[in-house]
Each structure stands twice: as structure tokens, then as C-alpha cells.
């Protein structure tokens, strides 16, 4: 497994998501976060699904933006 944690967030919360990722990775916990880990030429939705399937944990950056984001809801639903 290339990563342990999938970081789920609304685009409005990118700075917070990046800080969460940095904190986890400074503790040697490998994270998957978009767009950093979406490989060039890979379909975005496919990359998300694959990353969710390969993750042990989903960390949700919860905010009013993520609470109303259809994409965040899909990611959380897929993880469940």
C-alpha cells in the first residue's frame, strides 16, 4: 500500500487539508491527497476511487464547504 490515509476536503479548504497532510506525513503516515497524487493522464474520478479503495483511513476536513460538497459526499459514501 502506497498510502494509509485518504484526505477528503472541499477545494475551499485546501490550505487546511495541506496542513493536515503535512502533519501526518511528518509523523511518517503516508497520505493521498488530490491534486498532488493524481497522476498525469489519469482520469480524476478513477484516481479518487482507486485511492479510496487502497486507503485504510479517510480523514475528512469538515467545514460548511465540505458539508455541502457533492464530491465530498461521494467520497465519504465510497469510503463507508
N, C-alpha and C. Protein backbone atom coordinates (compact mmCIF):
# COMPACT_ATOMS: atom_id res chain seq x y z
N UNK A 1 0.85 -1.17 0.00
CA UNK A 1 0.00 0.00 0.00
C UNK A 1 0.89 1.24 0.00
N UNK A 2 0.67 2.11 -0.94
CA UNK A 2 1.50 3.31 -1.08
C UNK A 2 1.13 4.38 -0.06
N UNK A 3 -0.07 4.32 0.46
CA UNK A 3 -0.51 5.32 1.44
C UNK A 3 -1.48 4.67 2.43
N UNK A 4 -1.64 5.31 3.56
CA UNK A 4 -2.55 4.80 4.59
C UNK A 4 -3.81 5.65 4.70
N UNK A 5 -3.68 6.96 4.43
CA UNK A 5 -4.76 7.91 4.69
C UNK A 5 -5.17 8.61 3.41
N UNK A 6 -6.47 8.68 3.19
CA UNK A 6 -7.05 9.49 2.11
C UNK A 6 -7.59 10.75 2.76
N UNK A 7 -7.13 11.91 2.29
CA UNK A 7 -7.61 13.17 2.85
C UNK A 7 -8.70 13.71 1.95
N UNK A 8 -9.87 13.87 2.54
CA UNK A 8 -11.08 14.31 1.85
C UNK A 8 -11.39 15.74 2.28
N UNK A 9 -11.58 16.63 1.30
CA UNK A 9 -11.81 18.03 1.63
C UNK A 9 -12.48 18.74 0.46
N UNK A 10 -13.13 19.85 0.75
CA UNK A 10 -13.67 20.73 -0.29
C UNK A 10 -12.53 21.65 -0.76
N UNK A 11 -12.55 22.04 -2.00
CA UNK A 11 -11.46 22.85 -2.55
C UNK A 11 -11.24 24.13 -1.75
N UNK A 12 -12.30 24.67 -1.17
CA UNK A 12 -12.19 25.87 -0.35
C UNK A 12 -11.28 25.65 0.87
N UNK A 13 -11.15 24.41 1.29
CA UNK A 13 -10.38 24.05 2.49
C UNK A 13 -9.00 23.48 2.16
N UNK A 14 -8.49 23.75 0.98
CA UNK A 14 -7.21 23.17 0.55
C UNK A 14 -6.07 23.48 1.51
N UNK A 15 -5.98 24.70 1.99
CA UNK A 15 -4.87 25.06 2.90
C UNK A 15 -4.92 24.22 4.18
N UNK A 16 -6.10 24.00 4.71
CA UNK A 16 -6.25 23.18 5.92
C UNK A 16 -5.91 21.73 5.59
N UNK A 17 -6.39 21.23 4.46
CA UNK A 17 -6.10 19.85 4.06
C UNK A 17 -4.60 19.64 3.87
N UNK A 18 -3.93 20.60 3.27
CA UNK A 18 -2.47 20.51 3.10
C UNK A 18 -1.76 20.49 4.45
N UNK A 19 -2.25 21.29 5.40
CA UNK A 19 -1.65 21.30 6.73
C UNK A 19 -1.85 19.96 7.44
N UNK A 20 -3.03 19.37 7.29
CA UNK A 20 -3.30 18.05 7.86
C UNK A 20 -2.36 17.02 7.24
N UNK A 21 -2.24 17.06 5.94
CA UNK A 21 -1.35 16.14 5.23
C UNK A 21 0.09 16.30 5.71
N UNK A 22 0.56 17.52 5.81
CA UNK A 22 1.93 17.78 6.27
C UNK A 22 2.15 17.24 7.68
N UNK A 23 1.17 17.46 8.56
CA UNK A 23 1.30 16.99 9.93
C UNK A 23 1.37 15.47 10.00
N UNK A 24 0.50 14.80 9.25
CA UNK A 24 0.51 13.34 9.24
C UNK A 24 1.80 12.80 8.64
N UNK A 25 2.20 13.38 7.52
CA UNK A 25 3.40 12.87 6.86
C UNK A 25 4.67 13.19 7.66
N UNK A 26 4.66 14.23 8.48
CA UNK A 26 5.81 14.49 9.34
C UNK A 26 5.92 13.44 10.44
N UNK A 27 4.82 12.72 10.67
CA UNK A 27 4.80 11.59 11.61
C UNK A 27 4.93 10.25 10.89
N UNK A 28 5.36 10.31 9.64
CA UNK A 28 5.60 9.12 8.81
C UNK A 28 4.32 8.35 8.50
N UNK A 29 3.22 9.06 8.36
CA UNK A 29 1.95 8.47 7.93
C UNK A 29 1.70 8.96 6.52
N UNK A 30 1.82 8.07 5.55
CA UNK A 30 1.71 8.44 4.15
C UNK A 30 0.26 8.73 3.78
N UNK A 31 0.06 9.86 3.13
CA UNK A 31 -1.28 10.31 2.76
C UNK A 31 -1.45 10.38 1.25
N UNK A 32 -2.70 10.25 0.83
CA UNK A 32 -3.09 10.51 -0.56
C UNK A 32 -3.97 11.74 -0.52
N UNK A 33 -3.59 12.74 -1.33
CA UNK A 33 -4.36 13.97 -1.39
C UNK A 33 -4.37 14.47 -2.82
N UNK A 34 -5.55 14.88 -3.26
CA UNK A 34 -5.68 15.47 -4.60
C UNK A 34 -5.38 16.96 -4.48
N UNK A 35 -4.86 17.56 -5.48
CA UNK A 35 -4.46 17.01 -6.76
C UNK A 35 -3.05 16.44 -6.78
N UNK A 36 -2.32 16.57 -5.67
CA UNK A 36 -0.92 16.15 -5.63
C UNK A 36 -0.71 14.74 -6.15
N UNK A 37 -1.57 13.81 -5.77
CA UNK A 37 -1.35 12.40 -6.05
C UNK A 37 -2.14 11.85 -7.23
N UNK A 38 -2.79 12.72 -7.98
CA UNK A 38 -3.45 12.29 -9.22
C UNK A 38 -2.38 12.30 -10.31
N UNK A 39 -2.08 11.14 -10.82
CA UNK A 39 -1.02 11.02 -11.82
C UNK A 39 -1.44 11.64 -13.15
N UNK A 40 -0.50 12.28 -13.84
CA UNK A 40 -0.82 12.85 -15.15
C UNK A 40 -1.39 11.78 -16.09
N UNK A 41 -2.43 12.14 -16.80
CA UNK A 41 -3.06 11.24 -17.74
C UNK A 41 -4.09 10.31 -17.12
N UNK A 42 -4.23 10.36 -15.80
CA UNK A 42 -5.20 9.53 -15.11
C UNK A 42 -6.52 10.28 -15.00
N UNK A 43 -7.60 9.58 -15.25
CA UNK A 43 -8.92 10.19 -15.07
C UNK A 43 -9.12 10.48 -13.59
N UNK A 44 -9.57 11.70 -13.30
CA UNK A 44 -9.71 12.17 -11.91
C UNK A 44 -10.58 11.22 -11.08
N UNK A 45 -11.76 10.89 -11.57
CA UNK A 45 -12.67 10.03 -10.81
C UNK A 45 -12.06 8.66 -10.56
N UNK A 46 -11.38 8.13 -11.53
CA UNK A 46 -10.73 6.82 -11.38
C UNK A 46 -9.64 6.89 -10.31
N UNK A 47 -8.87 7.96 -10.31
CA UNK A 47 -7.81 8.13 -9.31
C UNK A 47 -8.39 8.21 -7.91
N UNK A 48 -9.50 8.91 -7.75
CA UNK A 48 -10.15 9.04 -6.45
C UNK A 48 -10.64 7.68 -5.96
N UNK A 49 -11.34 6.95 -6.82
CA UNK A 49 -11.88 5.64 -6.45
C UNK A 49 -10.74 4.69 -6.08
N UNK A 50 -9.70 4.65 -6.89
CA UNK A 50 -8.57 3.76 -6.59
C UNK A 50 -7.92 4.13 -5.26
N UNK A 51 -7.73 5.42 -5.03
CA UNK A 51 -7.10 5.85 -3.78
C UNK A 51 -7.96 5.51 -2.57
N UNK A 52 -9.26 5.70 -2.68
CA UNK A 52 -10.15 5.34 -1.59
C UNK A 52 -10.10 3.84 -1.31
N UNK A 53 -10.11 3.04 -2.36
CA UNK A 53 -10.07 1.59 -2.20
C UNK A 53 -8.77 1.11 -1.55
N UNK A 54 -7.70 1.84 -1.78
CA UNK A 54 -6.38 1.43 -1.27
C UNK A 54 -6.06 2.01 0.11
N UNK A 55 -6.91 2.89 0.62
CA UNK A 55 -6.64 3.55 1.90
C UNK A 55 -7.22 2.76 3.06
N UNK A 56 -6.56 2.89 4.20
CA UNK A 56 -7.06 2.28 5.43
C UNK A 56 -7.97 3.23 6.18
N UNK A 57 -7.72 4.54 6.02
CA UNK A 57 -8.42 5.56 6.79
C UNK A 57 -8.77 6.73 5.89
N UNK A 58 -9.93 7.33 6.11
CA UNK A 58 -10.30 8.58 5.47
C UNK A 58 -10.31 9.65 6.54
N UNK A 59 -9.61 10.75 6.28
CA UNK A 59 -9.66 11.92 7.16
C UNK A 59 -10.46 12.98 6.43
N UNK A 60 -11.53 13.41 7.05
CA UNK A 60 -12.40 14.43 6.46
C UNK A 60 -12.11 15.77 7.09
N UNK A 61 -11.80 16.75 6.25
CA UNK A 61 -11.70 18.13 6.71
C UNK A 61 -13.12 18.67 6.65
N UNK A 62 -13.75 18.69 7.81
CA UNK A 62 -15.17 19.05 7.85
C UNK A 62 -15.34 20.55 8.01
N UNK A 63 -16.15 21.13 7.13
CA UNK A 63 -16.43 22.57 7.16
C UNK A 63 -17.80 22.78 6.51
N UNK A 64 -18.26 24.01 6.49
CA UNK A 64 -19.52 24.28 5.80
C UNK A 64 -19.38 23.98 4.31
N UNK A 65 -18.19 24.18 3.77
CA UNK A 65 -17.96 23.89 2.35
C UNK A 65 -18.00 22.39 2.07
N UNK A 66 -17.33 21.60 2.90
CA UNK A 66 -17.34 20.16 2.67
C UNK A 66 -18.71 19.56 2.96
N UNK A 67 -19.45 20.18 3.88
CA UNK A 67 -20.78 19.69 4.22
C UNK A 67 -21.77 19.82 3.06
N UNK A 68 -21.51 20.74 2.15
CA UNK A 68 -22.42 20.94 1.02
C UNK A 68 -21.80 20.49 -0.31
N UNK A 69 -20.65 19.87 -0.27
CA UNK A 69 -19.96 19.44 -1.49
C UNK A 69 -20.45 18.06 -1.95
N UNK A 70 -21.02 17.98 -3.16
CA UNK A 70 -21.43 16.67 -3.68
C UNK A 70 -20.24 15.70 -3.82
N UNK A 71 -19.08 16.21 -4.20
CA UNK A 71 -17.91 15.34 -4.36
C UNK A 71 -17.47 14.77 -3.01
N UNK A 72 -17.45 15.59 -1.99
CA UNK A 72 -17.08 15.11 -0.65
C UNK A 72 -18.08 14.05 -0.20
N UNK A 73 -19.36 14.28 -0.44
CA UNK A 73 -20.36 13.27 -0.07
C UNK A 73 -20.12 11.95 -0.79
N UNK A 74 -19.77 12.01 -2.07
CA UNK A 74 -19.48 10.78 -2.83
C UNK A 74 -18.26 10.06 -2.25
N UNK A 75 -17.22 10.82 -1.92
CA UNK A 75 -16.01 10.21 -1.38
C UNK A 75 -16.27 9.55 -0.03
N UNK A 76 -16.99 10.23 0.85
CA UNK A 76 -17.32 9.67 2.15
C UNK A 76 -18.20 8.44 1.98
N UNK A 77 -19.17 8.51 1.09
CA UNK A 77 -20.03 7.35 0.81
C UNK A 77 -19.24 6.17 0.29
N UNK A 78 -18.32 6.43 -0.60
CA UNK A 78 -17.49 5.35 -1.15
C UNK A 78 -16.63 4.74 -0.06
N UNK A 79 -16.09 5.57 0.81
CA UNK A 79 -15.25 5.07 1.90
C UNK A 79 -16.05 4.21 2.87
N UNK A 80 -17.30 4.60 3.09
CA UNK A 80 -18.14 3.85 4.03
C UNK A 80 -18.44 2.47 3.46
